[in-house]
């Protein structure tokens, strides 16, 4: 236990801690475990929910296979940073899209005086 606290191992220890933390913060584990429930929550029927889960798992397998093939060519650091950037952009983009959709529905779903009725 004393060796792990040495200065030369601090960077490796930090990386070993941060990578799983980063994976947890992306929410991917929640999606993989609760995908059928999440799809039902957004309105899919039972069969469609299960089929969507199968499709998401298939896409995960294909993407993992592609990463395994190209990791030696481009390096794991590049894939890690590029994947993290894509996740960040998708989450931020989804948030902006959700807010804009909410605002558009709020303004237009009640007609010309939409802002008066809900408030």
N, C-alpha and C. Protein backbone atom coordinates (compact mmCIF):
# COMPACT_ATOMS: atom_id res chain seq x y z
N UNK A 1 0.82 -1.20 0.00
CA UNK A 1 0.00 0.00 0.00
C UNK A 1 0.86 1.26 0.00
N UNK A 2 2.02 1.17 0.62
CA UNK A 2 2.90 2.34 0.69
C UNK A 2 3.48 2.71 -0.67
N UNK A 3 3.70 1.73 -1.55
CA UNK A 3 4.27 2.02 -2.86
C UNK A 3 3.34 2.86 -3.73
N UNK A 4 2.06 2.67 -3.57
CA UNK A 4 1.11 3.38 -4.43
C UNK A 4 1.08 4.88 -4.14
N UNK A 5 1.54 5.26 -2.98
CA UNK A 5 1.55 6.68 -2.61
C UNK A 5 2.78 7.42 -3.11
N UNK A 6 3.70 6.71 -3.73
CA UNK A 6 4.90 7.37 -4.24
C UNK A 6 4.55 8.33 -5.37
N UNK A 7 5.37 9.35 -5.50
CA UNK A 7 5.12 10.40 -6.48
C UNK A 7 5.08 9.86 -7.91
N UNK A 8 5.92 8.88 -8.23
CA UNK A 8 5.96 8.37 -9.60
C UNK A 8 4.69 7.62 -10.00
N UNK A 9 3.88 7.22 -9.04
CA UNK A 9 2.63 6.51 -9.33
C UNK A 9 1.39 7.41 -9.26
N UNK A 10 1.56 8.67 -8.89
CA UNK A 10 0.40 9.54 -8.69
C UNK A 10 -0.39 9.77 -9.98
N UNK A 11 0.29 9.98 -11.08
CA UNK A 11 -0.42 10.21 -12.35
C UNK A 11 -1.22 8.96 -12.76
N UNK A 12 -0.61 7.80 -12.61
CA UNK A 12 -1.31 6.55 -12.97
C UNK A 12 -2.49 6.31 -12.04
N UNK A 13 -2.32 6.60 -10.78
CA UNK A 13 -3.41 6.44 -9.83
C UNK A 13 -4.56 7.39 -10.14
N UNK A 14 -4.21 8.62 -10.50
CA UNK A 14 -5.23 9.61 -10.85
C UNK A 14 -6.01 9.16 -12.08
N UNK A 15 -5.31 8.68 -13.09
CA UNK A 15 -5.97 8.21 -14.31
C UNK A 15 -6.84 6.99 -14.01
N UNK A 16 -6.31 6.08 -13.19
CA UNK A 16 -7.08 4.88 -12.84
C UNK A 16 -8.34 5.24 -12.06
N UNK A 17 -8.34 6.34 -11.37
CA UNK A 17 -9.51 6.80 -10.64
C UNK A 17 -10.46 7.58 -11.54
N UNK A 18 -9.92 8.42 -12.41
CA UNK A 18 -10.75 9.33 -13.21
C UNK A 18 -11.48 8.66 -14.36
N UNK A 19 -10.88 7.66 -14.99
CA UNK A 19 -11.54 7.02 -16.13
C UNK A 19 -12.85 6.35 -15.73
N UNK A 20 -12.89 5.52 -14.69
CA UNK A 20 -14.19 4.96 -14.29
C UNK A 20 -15.17 6.03 -13.79
N UNK A 21 -14.64 7.06 -13.13
CA UNK A 21 -15.50 8.16 -12.69
C UNK A 21 -16.13 8.85 -13.89
N UNK A 22 -15.34 9.08 -14.92
CA UNK A 22 -15.84 9.70 -16.14
C UNK A 22 -16.93 8.84 -16.77
N UNK A 23 -16.73 7.52 -16.78
CA UNK A 23 -17.74 6.63 -17.34
C UNK A 23 -19.04 6.70 -16.54
N UNK A 24 -18.93 6.77 -15.23
CA UNK A 24 -20.14 6.87 -14.39
C UNK A 24 -20.86 8.18 -14.64
N UNK A 25 -20.11 9.26 -14.80
CA UNK A 25 -20.73 10.58 -14.99
C UNK A 25 -21.42 10.70 -16.34
N UNK A 26 -21.02 9.93 -17.33
CA UNK A 26 -21.69 9.99 -18.62
C UNK A 26 -23.08 9.38 -18.57
N UNK A 27 -23.33 8.50 -17.60
CA UNK A 27 -24.65 7.89 -17.49
C UNK A 27 -24.83 6.65 -18.34
N UNK A 28 -23.77 6.17 -18.95
CA UNK A 28 -23.90 5.02 -19.84
C UNK A 28 -24.32 3.76 -19.09
N UNK A 29 -23.82 3.55 -17.90
CA UNK A 29 -24.20 2.36 -17.14
C UNK A 29 -25.68 2.36 -16.81
N UNK A 30 -26.20 3.52 -16.47
CA UNK A 30 -27.63 3.62 -16.18
C UNK A 30 -28.43 3.27 -17.42
N UNK A 31 -28.00 3.79 -18.55
CA UNK A 31 -28.72 3.50 -19.79
C UNK A 31 -28.67 2.01 -20.11
N UNK A 32 -27.50 1.40 -19.97
CA UNK A 32 -27.37 -0.02 -20.32
C UNK A 32 -28.20 -0.91 -19.40
N UNK A 33 -28.28 -0.57 -18.12
CA UNK A 33 -29.03 -1.41 -17.19
C UNK A 33 -30.54 -1.16 -17.24
N UNK A 34 -30.93 0.08 -17.47
CA UNK A 34 -32.35 0.44 -17.40
C UNK A 34 -32.93 0.86 -18.74
N UNK A 35 -32.32 0.47 -19.84
CA UNK A 35 -32.78 0.90 -21.16
C UNK A 35 -34.25 0.57 -21.42
N UNK A 36 -34.73 -0.64 -21.15
CA UNK A 36 -36.15 -0.91 -21.42
C UNK A 36 -37.08 0.00 -20.62
N UNK A 37 -36.73 0.25 -19.37
CA UNK A 37 -37.56 1.12 -18.54
C UNK A 37 -37.51 2.55 -19.05
N UNK A 38 -36.32 3.01 -19.46
CA UNK A 38 -36.20 4.36 -19.99
C UNK A 38 -37.00 4.53 -21.28
N UNK A 39 -36.95 3.53 -22.15
CA UNK A 39 -37.73 3.63 -23.39
C UNK A 39 -39.22 3.60 -23.10
N UNK A 40 -39.66 2.81 -22.13
CA UNK A 40 -41.08 2.82 -21.76
C UNK A 40 -41.48 4.17 -21.19
N UNK A 41 -40.59 4.77 -20.41
CA UNK A 41 -40.89 6.06 -19.79
C UNK A 41 -41.11 7.15 -20.84
N UNK A 42 -40.38 7.10 -21.93
CA UNK A 42 -40.55 8.11 -22.96
C UNK A 42 -41.69 7.81 -23.92
N UNK A 43 -42.40 6.68 -23.68
CA UNK A 43 -43.61 6.44 -24.44
C UNK A 43 -43.60 5.24 -25.37
N UNK A 44 -42.51 4.47 -25.41
CA UNK A 44 -42.49 3.29 -26.26
C UNK A 44 -43.34 2.20 -25.65
N UNK A 45 -43.98 1.39 -26.49
CA UNK A 45 -44.70 0.23 -25.98
C UNK A 45 -43.70 -0.85 -25.58
N UNK A 46 -44.18 -1.89 -24.95
CA UNK A 46 -43.31 -2.93 -24.40
C UNK A 46 -42.41 -3.56 -25.46
N UNK A 47 -43.00 -3.99 -26.59
CA UNK A 47 -42.21 -4.61 -27.65
C UNK A 47 -41.22 -3.63 -28.26
N UNK A 48 -41.66 -2.41 -28.50
CA UNK A 48 -40.77 -1.40 -29.08
C UNK A 48 -39.65 -1.05 -28.11
N UNK A 49 -39.97 -1.06 -26.82
CA UNK A 49 -38.96 -0.78 -25.81
C UNK A 49 -37.86 -1.85 -25.82
N UNK A 50 -38.27 -3.10 -25.89
CA UNK A 50 -37.28 -4.18 -25.92
C UNK A 50 -36.49 -4.18 -27.23
N UNK A 51 -37.15 -3.91 -28.34
CA UNK A 51 -36.45 -3.86 -29.62
C UNK A 51 -35.45 -2.70 -29.64
N UNK A 52 -35.83 -1.57 -29.09
CA UNK A 52 -34.92 -0.43 -29.02
C UNK A 52 -33.71 -0.75 -28.15
N UNK A 53 -33.91 -1.50 -27.10
CA UNK A 53 -32.81 -1.92 -26.25
C UNK A 53 -31.86 -2.85 -27.01
N UNK A 54 -32.41 -3.76 -27.78
CA UNK A 54 -31.59 -4.67 -28.58
C UNK A 54 -30.79 -3.87 -29.62
N UNK A 55 -31.42 -2.91 -30.26
CA UNK A 55 -30.73 -2.08 -31.25
C UNK A 55 -29.62 -1.28 -30.60
N UNK A 56 -29.88 -0.70 -29.44
CA UNK A 56 -28.85 0.06 -28.73
C UNK A 56 -27.68 -0.84 -28.33
N UNK A 57 -27.96 -2.06 -27.91
CA UNK A 57 -26.89 -3.01 -27.58
C UNK A 57 -26.09 -3.42 -28.81
N UNK A 58 -26.78 -3.58 -29.93
CA UNK A 58 -26.09 -3.91 -31.18
C UNK A 58 -25.17 -2.78 -31.61
N UNK A 59 -25.65 -1.55 -31.54
CA UNK A 59 -24.81 -0.39 -31.87
C UNK A 59 -23.60 -0.33 -30.94
N UNK A 60 -23.79 -0.63 -29.67
CA UNK A 60 -22.69 -0.65 -28.71
C UNK A 60 -21.65 -1.70 -29.11
N UNK A 61 -22.10 -2.88 -29.51
CA UNK A 61 -21.16 -3.94 -29.92
C UNK A 61 -20.39 -3.55 -31.18
N UNK A 62 -21.08 -2.98 -32.15
CA UNK A 62 -20.41 -2.56 -33.38
C UNK A 62 -19.38 -1.47 -33.10
N UNK A 63 -19.77 -0.46 -32.30
CA UNK A 63 -18.85 0.63 -31.98
C UNK A 63 -17.64 0.13 -31.20
N UNK A 64 -17.85 -0.80 -30.29
CA UNK A 64 -16.74 -1.39 -29.54
C UNK A 64 -15.82 -2.16 -30.46
N UNK A 65 -16.38 -2.91 -31.39
CA UNK A 65 -15.57 -3.67 -32.35
C UNK A 65 -14.73 -2.75 -33.22
N UNK A 66 -15.32 -1.66 -33.68
CA UNK A 66 -14.58 -0.69 -34.49
C UNK A 66 -13.45 -0.07 -33.67
N UNK A 67 -13.72 0.26 -32.43
CA UNK A 67 -12.69 0.83 -31.56
C UNK A 67 -11.55 -0.14 -31.33
N UNK A 68 -11.86 -1.41 -31.15
CA UNK A 68 -10.82 -2.42 -30.95
C UNK A 68 -9.91 -2.50 -32.17
N UNK A 69 -10.50 -2.39 -33.35
CA UNK A 69 -9.72 -2.49 -34.58
C UNK A 69 -8.83 -1.26 -34.78
N UNK A 70 -9.36 -0.07 -34.49
CA UNK A 70 -8.59 1.14 -34.80
C UNK A 70 -7.75 1.67 -33.64
N UNK A 71 -7.85 1.11 -32.45
CA UNK A 71 -7.11 1.64 -31.31
C UNK A 71 -5.60 1.55 -31.53
N UNK A 72 -5.13 0.52 -32.20
CA UNK A 72 -3.70 0.39 -32.46
C UNK A 72 -3.22 1.41 -33.49
N UNK A 73 -4.10 1.83 -34.38
CA UNK A 73 -3.72 2.78 -35.43
C UNK A 73 -3.70 4.22 -34.93
N UNK A 74 -4.71 4.60 -34.17
CA UNK A 74 -4.83 6.00 -33.75
C UNK A 74 -4.44 6.23 -32.30
N UNK A 75 -4.41 5.19 -31.51
CA UNK A 75 -4.03 5.32 -30.10
C UNK A 75 -5.24 5.46 -29.18
N UNK A 76 -5.08 4.94 -27.99
CA UNK A 76 -6.19 4.96 -27.03
C UNK A 76 -6.45 6.36 -26.50
N UNK A 77 -5.41 7.18 -26.39
CA UNK A 77 -5.59 8.55 -25.89
C UNK A 77 -6.49 9.35 -26.82
N UNK A 78 -6.24 9.23 -28.13
CA UNK A 78 -7.07 9.94 -29.10
C UNK A 78 -8.52 9.49 -29.00
N UNK A 79 -8.75 8.17 -28.95
CA UNK A 79 -10.12 7.66 -28.85
C UNK A 79 -10.80 8.12 -27.58
N UNK A 80 -10.06 8.14 -26.48
CA UNK A 80 -10.62 8.58 -25.20
C UNK A 80 -11.03 10.05 -25.25
N UNK A 81 -10.13 10.90 -25.76
CA UNK A 81 -10.43 12.33 -25.82
C UNK A 81 -11.52 12.64 -26.84
N UNK A 82 -11.45 11.98 -27.99
CA UNK A 82 -12.46 12.22 -29.03
C UNK A 82 -13.83 11.73 -28.59
N UNK A 83 -13.87 10.57 -27.95
CA UNK A 83 -15.14 10.04 -27.45
C UNK A 83 -15.71 10.92 -26.35
N UNK A 84 -14.86 11.39 -25.45
CA UNK A 84 -15.31 12.30 -24.39
C UNK A 84 -15.86 13.59 -24.94
N UNK A 85 -15.21 14.12 -25.98
CA UNK A 85 -15.70 15.36 -26.60
C UNK A 85 -17.06 15.13 -27.25
N UNK A 86 -17.22 14.00 -27.92
CA UNK A 86 -18.52 13.70 -28.54
C UNK A 86 -19.61 13.57 -27.49
N UNK A 87 -19.30 12.90 -26.37
CA UNK A 87 -20.28 12.76 -25.30
C UNK A 87 -20.66 14.12 -24.75
N UNK A 88 -19.67 14.96 -24.51
CA UNK A 88 -19.93 16.31 -23.99
C UNK A 88 -20.81 17.11 -24.94
N UNK A 89 -20.49 17.07 -26.22
CA UNK A 89 -21.28 17.82 -27.21
C UNK A 89 -22.70 17.29 -27.32
N UNK A 90 -22.86 15.97 -27.27
CA UNK A 90 -24.20 15.39 -27.36
C UNK A 90 -25.04 15.73 -26.13
N UNK A 91 -24.44 15.68 -24.96
CA UNK A 91 -25.20 16.01 -23.75
C UNK A 91 -25.56 17.48 -23.72
N UNK A 92 -24.61 18.35 -24.06
CA UNK A 92 -24.90 19.78 -24.09
C UNK A 92 -25.91 20.09 -25.18
N UNK A 93 -25.75 19.48 -26.34
CA UNK A 93 -26.69 19.69 -27.45
C UNK A 93 -28.08 19.19 -27.11
N UNK A 94 -28.16 18.06 -26.44
CA UNK A 94 -29.47 17.54 -26.05
C UNK A 94 -30.14 18.47 -25.06
N UNK A 95 -29.38 19.01 -24.14
CA UNK A 95 -29.94 19.94 -23.16
C UNK A 95 -30.48 21.18 -23.85
N UNK A 96 -29.71 21.74 -24.77
CA UNK A 96 -30.15 22.93 -25.50
C UNK A 96 -31.39 22.59 -26.33
N UNK A 97 -31.38 21.43 -26.98
CA UNK A 97 -32.54 21.03 -27.79
C UNK A 97 -33.78 20.85 -26.92
N UNK A 98 -33.63 20.27 -25.75
CA UNK A 98 -34.77 20.09 -24.84
C UNK A 98 -35.32 21.43 -24.37
N UNK A 99 -34.45 22.34 -24.02
CA UNK A 99 -34.89 23.66 -23.57
C UNK A 99 -35.59 24.41 -24.70
N UNK A 100 -35.04 24.36 -25.91
CA UNK A 100 -35.66 25.03 -27.04
C UNK A 100 -37.01 24.41 -27.39
N UNK A 101 -37.10 23.09 -27.33
CA UNK A 101 -38.38 22.42 -27.58
C UNK A 101 -39.41 22.82 -26.54
N UNK A 102 -38.99 22.86 -25.29
CA UNK A 102 -39.90 23.28 -24.22
C UNK A 102 -40.40 24.70 -24.47
N UNK A 103 -39.49 25.60 -24.78
CA UNK A 103 -39.88 27.00 -25.01
C UNK A 103 -40.80 27.12 -26.22
N UNK A 104 -40.51 26.37 -27.27
CA UNK A 104 -41.34 26.43 -28.47
C UNK A 104 -42.73 25.88 -28.18
N UNK A 105 -42.82 24.78 -27.45
CA UNK A 105 -44.12 24.21 -27.10
C UNK A 105 -44.88 25.12 -26.17
N UNK A 106 -44.19 25.71 -25.26
CA UNK A 106 -44.83 26.61 -24.31
C UNK A 106 -45.44 27.80 -25.03
N UNK A 107 -44.73 28.31 -26.03
CA UNK A 107 -45.19 29.49 -26.75
C UNK A 107 -46.25 29.18 -27.79
N UNK A 108 -46.15 28.00 -28.42
CA UNK A 108 -47.04 27.76 -29.56
C UNK A 108 -48.22 26.84 -29.28
N UNK A 109 -48.17 26.07 -28.22
CA UNK A 109 -49.23 25.08 -28.05
C UNK A 109 -50.55 25.68 -27.58
N UNK A 110 -50.54 26.92 -27.14
CA UNK A 110 -51.77 27.54 -26.66
C UNK A 110 -52.25 28.64 -27.59
N UNK A 111 -51.71 28.71 -28.78
CA UNK A 111 -52.15 29.73 -29.73
C UNK A 111 -51.39 31.03 -29.56
N UNK A 112 -51.91 32.12 -30.14
CA UNK A 112 -51.19 33.40 -30.12
C UNK A 112 -50.97 33.93 -28.70
N UNK A 113 -51.85 33.60 -27.79
CA UNK A 113 -51.68 34.07 -26.42
C UNK A 113 -51.14 32.96 -25.52
N UNK A 114 -50.26 32.13 -26.08
CA UNK A 114 -49.76 30.95 -25.36
C UNK A 114 -49.12 31.27 -24.04
N UNK A 115 -48.47 32.39 -23.91
CA UNK A 115 -47.78 32.69 -22.65
C UNK A 115 -48.74 33.12 -21.57
N UNK A 116 -49.94 33.48 -21.90
CA UNK A 116 -50.91 33.90 -20.90
C UNK A 116 -51.62 32.72 -20.23
N UNK A 117 -52.02 31.75 -21.03
CA UNK A 117 -52.84 30.67 -20.51
C UNK A 117 -52.11 29.82 -19.46
N UNK A 118 -50.89 29.29 -19.73
CA UNK A 118 -50.25 28.45 -18.72
C UNK A 118 -49.85 29.21 -17.46
N UNK A 119 -49.50 30.47 -17.60
CA UNK A 119 -49.06 31.19 -16.41
C UNK A 119 -50.25 31.58 -15.54
